[in-house]
């Protein structure tokens, strides 16, 4: 839904507000409203890339950012307000931050901020928004007690999702070179290396405590490494990716504990993974950005970071990070506060809906068919036939064993298999 809503928003006015040729320091105008005059004119991203191609590519950045942010509604947020929030947030929060970071007229760009593929516009903004949404929604029912089970419902899905992200990130980072050149190749190299080291780091840290090689922990570390290398991927040498991975894997791992300190129910650890990971990446880019890496495309010239003795770059990166994070956090709080006052747009699902489950209450469908089967068939059967089973259960069990059948107690919610 985030992809669909933002694809329309981006066409409608998002692209124009972000990348119009006549943009100001903070926001573009509506010169390209509805993709008006968005065809073969050279884009603001590169003279070699036409506006329309650049618009399609950047639209996916906007979509994934919103998808990251709304993960905060998990298990207690209503769908309709979330969909409205997507459109409003992209317009008021994402578009301005992306404009001031990537549009040549934007204030961060003008002051020399280095963000190759979305440290602040994508990760810090979405992580800060998720924190704000978590606070405004409140904690899930049973949070902090035995009622709330923190285990992932399907580790296989986590692995598959991580694989998709890992592969897709090459388009995210290497593609931001906007050409098939050596700079794009270097971006791909550091992206893969940071992800690998991040996954190993997180996994080892978890092993130190649990003595288990956590699959979920490894996947979390991979994402942390990918997040951190994003702003520096087209600016830093290959060896620095190892440092990115170690710092991101460890930093995001420990940052997951912050939600317990501040008492916020960030269900998917979006703030720890993306906001903290993005901040780490922005800072390290200030240290390791190198002029010769950026110039691998043949035309980009930057003063570099500390590797080039440009000592002020870290300060610029910090200003970019904290301004984007603060704008996203407080702006998101304001948007959600106003929305919650509008009839029909209350953010939180009712307690009854939360107990029933958001899949059932808001979507009307279940991820797994046996959930519905258990509720509507087996539970009724177990109540109606409980005495019957108690009377003849032993006989059925013996007959089943003799015939090679396998039965289960219907009160357990398991499907009986013949």
Protein backbone atom coordinates (compact mmCIF):
# COMPACT_ATOMS: atom_id res chain seq x y z
CA UNK A 1 0.00 0.00 0.00
CA UNK A 2 2.90 2.37 0.71
CA UNK A 3 4.30 1.72 -2.75
CA UNK A 4 0.90 2.36 -4.35
CA UNK A 5 0.07 5.51 -2.40
CA UNK A 6 3.51 7.05 -2.85
CA UNK A 7 3.70 6.14 -6.53
CA UNK A 8 0.62 8.31 -6.97
CA UNK A 9 1.82 11.02 -4.57
CA UNK A 10 5.17 11.17 -6.37
CA UNK A 11 3.44 11.56 -9.75
CA UNK A 12 0.93 14.05 -8.33
CA UNK A 13 3.36 16.53 -6.78
CA UNK A 14 6.06 14.71 -4.80
CA UNK A 15 8.63 14.72 -7.59
CA UNK A 16 8.01 18.39 -8.32
CA UNK A 17 8.28 19.37 -4.65
CA UNK A 18 11.60 17.52 -4.40
CA UNK A 19 13.42 17.78 -7.72
CA UNK A 20 11.94 20.67 -9.68
CA UNK A 21 14.60 22.76 -11.44
CA UNK A 22 13.39 25.94 -9.73
CA UNK A 23 13.47 24.64 -6.13
CA UNK A 24 14.45 26.74 -3.13
CA UNK A 25 16.66 25.93 -0.15
CA UNK A 26 14.01 23.79 1.54
CA UNK A 27 11.36 22.79 -1.01
CA UNK A 28 10.63 22.69 -4.71
CA UNK A 29 7.62 24.19 -6.49
CA UNK A 30 4.83 22.73 -8.61
CA UNK A 31 6.46 23.33 -11.98
CA UNK A 32 6.37 19.56 -12.62
CA UNK A 33 2.94 18.93 -11.09
CA UNK A 34 1.51 15.67 -12.48
CA UNK A 35 4.83 15.05 -14.28
CA UNK A 36 4.20 18.17 -16.35
CA UNK A 37 7.19 18.83 -18.66
CA UNK A 38 8.89 15.73 -17.21
CA UNK A 39 10.35 14.02 -20.25
CA UNK A 40 13.79 14.22 -21.85
CA UNK A 41 15.11 17.37 -20.18
CA UNK A 42 18.33 16.61 -18.23
CA UNK A 43 17.48 15.97 -14.59
CA UNK A 44 18.84 17.80 -11.57
CA UNK A 45 20.53 14.54 -10.57
CA UNK A 46 22.66 14.23 -13.68
CA UNK A 47 22.81 15.90 -17.05
CA UNK A 48 23.08 12.43 -18.59
CA UNK A 49 19.78 11.19 -17.09
CA UNK A 50 16.43 12.49 -18.41
CA UNK A 51 13.88 13.86 -15.97
CA UNK A 52 11.38 11.05 -16.45
CA UNK A 53 13.89 8.28 -15.77
CA UNK A 54 15.20 10.12 -12.72
CA UNK A 55 11.64 10.64 -11.49
CA UNK A 56 10.80 6.92 -11.69
CA UNK A 57 14.03 5.95 -9.93
CA UNK A 58 13.65 8.45 -7.10
CA UNK A 59 10.00 7.53 -6.68
CA UNK A 60 11.09 4.16 -5.34
CA UNK A 61 13.23 5.89 -2.70
CA UNK A 62 10.15 7.77 -1.53
CA UNK A 63 8.05 4.60 -1.45
CA UNK A 64 10.50 2.54 0.59
CA UNK A 65 10.99 5.39 3.07
CA UNK A 66 7.29 5.55 3.82
CA UNK A 67 7.08 1.75 4.04
CA UNK A 68 9.83 1.81 6.66
CA UNK A 69 8.14 4.50 8.72
CA UNK A 70 4.70 2.91 8.92
CA UNK A 71 6.06 -0.35 10.31
CA UNK A 72 5.53 1.35 13.66
CA UNK A 73 1.76 0.71 13.51
CA UNK A 74 2.28 -3.04 13.88
CA UNK A 75 -0.39 -4.84 15.92
CA UNK A 76 -2.31 -1.81 17.16
CA UNK A 77 -2.73 0.80 14.40
CA UNK A 78 -5.72 1.33 12.12
CA UNK A 79 -5.26 1.03 8.36
CA UNK A 80 -7.21 4.06 7.07
CA UNK A 81 -5.35 6.67 9.14
CA UNK A 82 -2.10 4.94 8.18
CA UNK A 83 -2.89 5.31 4.47
CA UNK A 84 -3.78 8.99 4.90
CA UNK A 85 -0.61 9.47 6.91
CA UNK A 86 1.47 8.02 4.06
CA UNK A 87 0.37 10.71 1.62
CA UNK A 88 0.60 13.59 4.11
CA UNK A 89 3.95 12.53 5.57
CA UNK A 90 5.57 12.10 2.17
CA UNK A 91 4.43 15.60 1.19
CA UNK A 92 5.33 17.46 4.37
CA UNK A 93 8.33 15.50 5.65
CA UNK A 94 10.06 13.34 3.05
CA UNK A 95 9.87 15.74 0.09
CA UNK A 96 11.45 18.72 1.94
CA UNK A 97 14.26 16.61 3.46
CA UNK A 98 15.03 14.96 0.12
CA UNK A 99 14.95 18.36 -1.58
CA UNK A 100 17.40 20.03 0.79
CA UNK A 101 19.71 16.99 0.65
CA UNK A 102 19.76 16.05 -3.05
CA UNK A 103 18.46 18.98 -5.06
CA UNK A 104 21.43 21.19 -6.02
CA UNK A 105 19.45 24.15 -4.65
CA UNK A 106 18.92 22.55 -1.22
CA UNK A 107 20.69 23.96 1.81
CA UNK A 108 22.49 20.72 2.79
CA UNK A 109 23.68 20.25 -0.78
CA UNK A 110 24.82 23.87 -0.99
CA UNK A 111 26.77 23.59 2.29
CA UNK A 112 28.58 20.45 1.17
CA UNK A 113 26.63 17.69 2.91
CA UNK A 114 27.54 14.22 1.61
CA UNK A 115 24.66 11.77 1.30
CA UNK A 116 25.00 9.44 -1.65
CA UNK A 117 21.82 7.37 -1.38
CA UNK A 118 19.68 8.36 1.58
CA UNK A 119 21.25 8.44 5.04
CA UNK A 120 19.07 11.34 6.19
CA UNK A 121 16.15 11.47 3.70
CA UNK A 122 15.48 7.72 3.84
CA UNK A 123 16.82 6.22 7.05
CA UNK A 124 17.03 8.93 9.68
CA UNK A 125 13.71 10.42 8.57
CA UNK A 126 11.87 7.07 8.57
CA UNK A 127 13.44 5.92 11.84
CA UNK A 128 12.52 9.19 13.57
CA UNK A 129 9.00 9.03 12.15
CA UNK A 130 8.58 5.46 13.37
CA UNK A 131 9.64 6.52 16.86
CA UNK A 132 7.10 9.36 16.79
CA UNK A 133 4.35 7.06 15.51
CA UNK A 134 5.15 4.51 18.23
CA UNK A 135 4.89 7.19 20.90
CA UNK A 136 1.66 8.65 19.53
CA UNK A 137 0.03 5.22 19.22
CA UNK A 138 1.07 4.01 22.64
CA UNK A 139 2.20 0.55 23.64
CA UNK A 140 0.59 -2.63 22.45
CA UNK A 141 -1.81 -4.34 24.82
CA UNK A 142 0.19 -6.48 27.24
CA UNK A 143 3.47 -4.75 26.43
CA UNK A 144 6.06 -5.59 29.06
CA UNK A 145 4.12 -8.61 30.32
CA UNK A 146 3.92 -12.30 29.46
CA UNK A 147 0.89 -11.54 27.26
CA UNK A 148 2.99 -10.08 24.44
CA UNK A 149 5.12 -12.55 22.53
CA UNK A 150 8.12 -10.92 20.88
CA UNK A 151 9.08 -13.91 18.76
CA UNK A 152 8.89 -13.44 14.97
CA UNK A 153 6.03 -15.43 13.48
CA UNK A 154 8.09 -16.72 10.54
CA UNK A 155 11.90 -16.68 10.50
CA UNK A 156 11.90 -17.93 6.91
CA UNK A 157 10.10 -14.77 5.84
CA UNK A 158 12.75 -12.70 7.62
CA UNK A 159 15.49 -14.46 5.68
CA UNK A 160 13.68 -14.04 2.36
CA UNK A 161 13.02 -10.38 3.10
CA UNK A 162 16.67 -9.83 3.97
CA UNK A 163 17.73 -11.48 0.72
CA UNK A 164 15.42 -9.19 -1.26
CA UNK A 165 16.77 -6.14 0.56
CA UNK A 166 20.41 -7.17 0.23
CA UNK A 167 20.08 -7.66 -3.53
CA UNK A 168 17.87 -4.62 -3.99
CA UNK A 169 20.31 -2.41 -2.11
CA UNK A 170 22.76 -2.67 -5.00
CA UNK A 171 20.22 -0.78 -7.08
CA UNK A 172 19.67 1.57 -4.18
CA UNK A 173 23.35 2.44 -3.67
CA UNK A 174 25.19 1.55 -6.86
CA UNK A 175 22.29 2.88 -8.92
CA UNK A 176 22.71 6.28 -7.29
CA UNK A 177 25.83 6.74 -9.41
CA UNK A 178 23.27 7.18 -12.22
CA UNK A 179 25.60 5.43 -14.66
CA UNK A 180 27.37 2.09 -15.15
CA UNK A 181 30.79 3.40 -14.18
CA UNK A 182 33.56 2.53 -11.73
CA UNK A 183 31.97 4.64 -9.01
CA UNK A 184 28.87 2.46 -9.21
CA UNK A 185 31.06 -0.65 -8.96
CA UNK A 186 32.77 0.71 -5.85
CA UNK A 187 29.37 1.52 -4.33
CA UNK A 188 28.32 -2.09 -4.91
CA UNK A 189 31.55 -3.40 -3.35
CA UNK A 190 31.25 -1.36 -0.15
CA UNK A 191 27.53 -2.10 0.10
CA UNK A 192 28.10 -5.85 0.09
CA UNK A 193 31.09 -5.68 2.43
CA UNK A 194 29.36 -3.49 5.02
CA UNK A 195 26.31 -5.76 4.99
CA UNK A 196 28.45 -8.85 5.47
CA UNK A 197 30.48 -7.43 8.36
CA UNK A 198 27.34 -5.96 9.95
CA UNK A 199 25.64 -9.35 9.94
CA UNK A 200 28.66 -11.09 11.45
CA UNK A 201 29.08 -8.41 14.12
CA UNK A 202 25.46 -8.54 15.29
CA UNK A 203 25.48 -12.34 15.26
CA UNK A 204 28.66 -12.52 17.38
CA UNK A 205 27.30 -9.98 19.88
CA UNK A 206 24.14 -12.03 20.31
CA UNK A 207 26.18 -15.24 20.63
CA UNK A 208 28.16 -13.66 23.45
CA UNK A 209 24.94 -13.45 25.47
CA UNK A 210 22.80 -16.33 24.26
CA UNK A 211 25.36 -18.87 22.99
CA UNK A 212 23.12 -19.22 19.92
CA UNK A 213 23.83 -18.31 16.31
CA UNK A 214 20.69 -16.26 15.75
CA UNK A 215 19.35 -16.13 12.20
CA UNK A 216 17.22 -13.10 13.06
CA UNK A 217 20.23 -11.41 14.64
CA UNK A 218 22.34 -12.00 11.55
CA UNK A 219 19.62 -10.56 9.30
CA UNK A 220 19.27 -7.53 11.60
CA UNK A 221 23.02 -6.91 11.37
CA UNK A 222 22.95 -7.16 7.58
CA UNK A 223 20.26 -4.47 7.42
CA UNK A 224 22.19 -2.28 9.87
CA UNK A 225 25.29 -2.53 7.69
CA UNK A 226 23.29 -1.70 4.56
CA UNK A 227 21.69 1.30 6.26
CA UNK A 228 24.99 2.72 7.48
CA UNK A 229 26.86 2.40 4.20
CA UNK A 230 24.04 4.07 2.25
CA UNK A 231 25.14 7.72 2.65
CA UNK A 232 28.81 6.92 2.04
CA UNK A 233 28.58 4.25 -0.64
CA UNK A 234 29.71 6.49 -3.51
CA UNK A 235 32.26 8.40 -1.46
CA UNK A 236 34.34 5.95 0.58
CA UNK A 237 37.09 3.39 -0.21
CA UNK A 238 36.50 -0.36 0.08
CA UNK A 239 38.45 -0.92 3.30
CA UNK A 240 36.29 1.57 5.21
CA UNK A 241 33.22 -0.62 4.65
CA UNK A 242 34.59 -3.00 7.29
CA UNK A 243 34.48 -0.17 9.84
CA UNK A 244 30.97 0.78 8.71
CA UNK A 245 29.80 -2.81 9.23
CA UNK A 246 31.34 -3.19 12.68
CA UNK A 247 30.07 0.18 13.94
CA UNK A 248 26.60 -0.27 12.48
CA UNK A 249 26.19 -3.87 13.66
CA UNK A 250 27.26 -3.01 17.19
CA UNK A 251 25.60 0.42 17.34
CA UNK A 252 22.21 -0.73 16.10
CA UNK A 253 22.37 -3.85 18.28
CA UNK A 254 22.83 -1.82 21.45
CA UNK A 255 20.37 0.83 20.23
CA UNK A 256 17.59 -1.78 20.34
CA UNK A 257 17.80 -1.44 24.14
CA UNK A 258 16.88 2.26 24.00
CA UNK A 259 13.18 1.53 23.60
CA UNK A 260 13.19 -0.12 27.03
CA UNK A 261 15.03 2.82 28.56
CA UNK A 262 12.61 5.43 27.20
CA UNK A 263 9.55 3.15 27.46
CA UNK A 264 8.51 3.16 23.80
CA UNK A 265 7.04 0.17 21.96
CA UNK A 266 8.95 0.28 18.66
CA UNK A 267 7.74 -3.12 17.51
CA UNK A 268 10.14 -3.54 14.58
CA UNK A 269 13.16 -1.67 16.02
CA UNK A 270 12.93 0.81 13.16
CA UNK A 271 14.51 3.62 15.16
CA UNK A 272 17.48 1.50 16.20
CA UNK A 273 18.10 0.02 12.75
CA UNK A 274 17.41 3.02 10.55
CA UNK A 275 17.73 6.23 12.55
CA UNK A 276 20.77 5.14 14.57
CA UNK A 277 22.21 3.20 11.64
CA UNK A 278 21.76 6.22 9.37
CA UNK A 279 23.36 8.52 11.94
CA UNK A 280 26.37 6.20 12.24
CA UNK A 281 26.67 6.12 8.45
CA UNK A 282 26.48 9.90 8.09
CA UNK A 283 29.18 10.45 10.71
CA UNK A 284 31.51 7.83 9.25
CA UNK A 285 31.07 9.40 5.82
CA UNK A 286 32.44 12.61 7.29
CA UNK A 287 35.53 10.67 8.30
CA UNK A 288 36.11 8.41 5.30
CA UNK A 289 34.81 10.28 2.24
CA UNK A 290 37.62 10.50 -0.32
CA UNK A 291 37.80 12.85 -3.29
CA UNK A 292 39.31 10.20 -5.58
CA UNK A 293 36.44 7.76 -4.94
CA UNK A 294 33.81 10.34 -5.84
CA UNK A 295 35.78 11.21 -8.98
CA UNK A 296 35.65 7.62 -10.21
CA UNK A 297 32.68 8.68 -12.33
CA UNK A 298 34.91 11.15 -14.17
CA UNK A 299 33.25 14.41 -13.15
CA UNK A 300 32.22 14.56 -9.45
CA UNK A 301 34.50 16.69 -7.29
CA UNK A 302 34.21 16.88 -3.49
CA UNK A 303 36.55 18.17 -0.77
CA UNK A 304 36.28 14.78 0.94
CA UNK A 305 36.22 14.10 4.65
CA UNK A 306 38.93 13.59 7.23
CA UNK A 307 40.85 11.37 4.82
CA UNK A 308 41.38 14.54 2.79
CA UNK A 309 42.01 16.66 5.92
CA UNK A 310 38.63 18.33 5.51
CA UNK A 311 37.99 18.54 9.24
CA UNK A 312 34.69 20.42 9.01
CA UNK A 313 32.91 17.65 7.10
CA UNK A 314 31.88 15.73 10.23
CA UNK A 315 30.20 18.87 11.57
CA UNK A 316 28.26 19.28 8.33
CA UNK A 317 27.19 15.65 8.50
CA UNK A 318 26.00 16.06 12.10
CA UNK A 319 24.03 19.20 11.20
CA UNK A 320 22.37 17.33 8.34
CA UNK A 321 21.58 14.30 10.51
CA UNK A 322 20.08 16.09 13.50
CA UNK A 323 18.14 18.66 11.48
CA UNK A 324 16.56 15.90 9.37
CA UNK A 325 15.85 13.72 12.40
CA UNK A 326 14.33 16.54 14.44
CA UNK A 327 12.22 17.80 11.55
CA UNK A 328 10.89 14.30 10.89
CA UNK A 329 10.22 13.47 14.54
CA UNK A 330 8.42 16.65 15.56
CA UNK A 331 6.71 17.03 12.20
CA UNK A 332 5.39 13.48 12.44
CA UNK A 333 4.11 14.07 15.97
CA UNK A 334 2.24 17.16 14.79
CA UNK A 335 0.72 15.38 11.78
CA UNK A 336 -0.46 12.46 13.92
CA UNK A 337 -1.80 14.74 16.67
CA UNK A 338 -3.96 16.64 14.18
CA UNK A 339 -5.09 13.47 12.42
CA UNK A 340 -6.17 11.93 15.72
CA UNK A 341 -8.55 14.87 16.27
CA UNK A 342 -10.33 14.30 12.96
CA UNK A 343 -13.42 12.06 13.15
CA UNK A 344 -12.76 8.73 11.48
CA UNK A 345 -8.99 9.12 11.57
CA UNK A 346 -8.25 8.02 15.13
CA UNK A 347 -4.91 6.27 14.99
CA UNK A 348 -5.36 3.38 17.39
CA UNK A 349 -7.50 0.32 16.91
CA UNK A 350 -9.98 -0.51 19.63
CA UNK A 351 -9.02 -2.89 22.42
CA UNK A 352 -11.47 -5.45 21.04
CA UNK A 353 -9.83 -5.22 17.60
CA UNK A 354 -6.40 -5.58 19.15
CA UNK A 355 -7.46 -8.69 21.07
CA UNK A 356 -9.14 -10.17 17.99
CA UNK A 357 -6.09 -9.32 15.89
CA UNK A 358 -5.49 -6.58 13.33
CA UNK A 359 -5.47 -9.13 10.49
CA UNK A 360 -9.06 -9.99 11.28
CA UNK A 361 -10.31 -6.59 12.47
CA UNK A 362 -8.72 -4.34 9.83
CA UNK A 363 -7.85 -6.61 6.89
CA UNK A 364 -10.43 -9.40 7.14
CA UNK A 365 -7.90 -12.04 6.12
CA UNK A 366 -5.30 -14.18 7.84
CA UNK A 367 -1.70 -14.77 6.92
CA UNK A 368 -2.17 -18.46 7.74
CA UNK A 369 -5.34 -20.37 6.94
CA UNK A 370 -5.15 -22.55 10.04
CA UNK A 371 -5.81 -19.49 12.24
CA UNK A 372 -9.28 -19.10 10.78
CA UNK A 373 -9.81 -22.85 10.72
CA UNK A 374 -8.91 -23.09 14.39
CA UNK A 375 -11.23 -20.26 15.39
CA UNK A 376 -14.25 -21.18 13.29
CA UNK A 377 -14.12 -24.96 13.08
CA UNK A 378 -11.89 -26.78 15.51
CA UNK A 379 -12.68 -24.71 18.58
CA UNK A 380 -16.41 -25.27 18.08
CA UNK A 381 -15.82 -28.94 17.45
CA UNK A 382 -13.76 -29.30 20.59
CA UNK A 383 -16.47 -27.71 22.72
CA UNK A 384 -19.31 -29.73 21.23
CA UNK A 385 -17.51 -33.04 21.29
CA UNK A 386 -15.35 -32.73 24.40
CA UNK A 387 -17.32 -35.34 26.34
CA UNK A 388 -17.52 -37.59 23.31
CA UNK A 389 -13.76 -37.55 22.87
CA UNK A 390 -13.16 -38.20 26.54
CA UNK A 391 -15.35 -41.29 26.38
CA UNK A 392 -13.93 -42.90 23.27
CA UNK A 393 -10.54 -41.24 22.97
CA UNK A 394 -8.64 -44.27 24.15
CA UNK A 395 -10.39 -46.53 21.69
CA UNK A 396 -9.82 -44.13 18.79
CA UNK A 397 -6.18 -43.81 19.71
CA UNK A 398 -5.69 -47.57 19.66
CA UNK A 399 -7.51 -47.93 16.35
CA UNK A 400 -5.48 -45.10 14.84
CA UNK A 401 -2.22 -46.70 15.83
CA UNK A 402 -3.31 -50.03 14.42
CA UNK A 403 -4.34 -48.43 11.10
CA UNK A 404 -1.31 -46.14 10.85
CA UNK A 405 -3.39 -43.01 11.39
CA UNK A 406 -2.15 -39.93 13.26
CA UNK A 407 -4.59 -38.02 15.49
CA UNK A 408 -4.21 -34.95 17.64
CA UNK A 409 -6.19 -33.51 20.51
CA UNK A 410 -8.70 -31.09 18.93
CA UNK A 411 -8.36 -28.73 21.86
CA UNK A 412 -4.77 -28.04 20.82
CA UNK A 413 -5.92 -26.35 17.64
CA UNK A 414 -4.00 -28.75 15.42
CA UNK A 415 -5.60 -30.20 12.30
CA UNK A 416 -6.20 -33.93 12.58
CA UNK A 417 -4.36 -35.78 9.82
CA UNK A 418 -5.29 -39.21 8.49
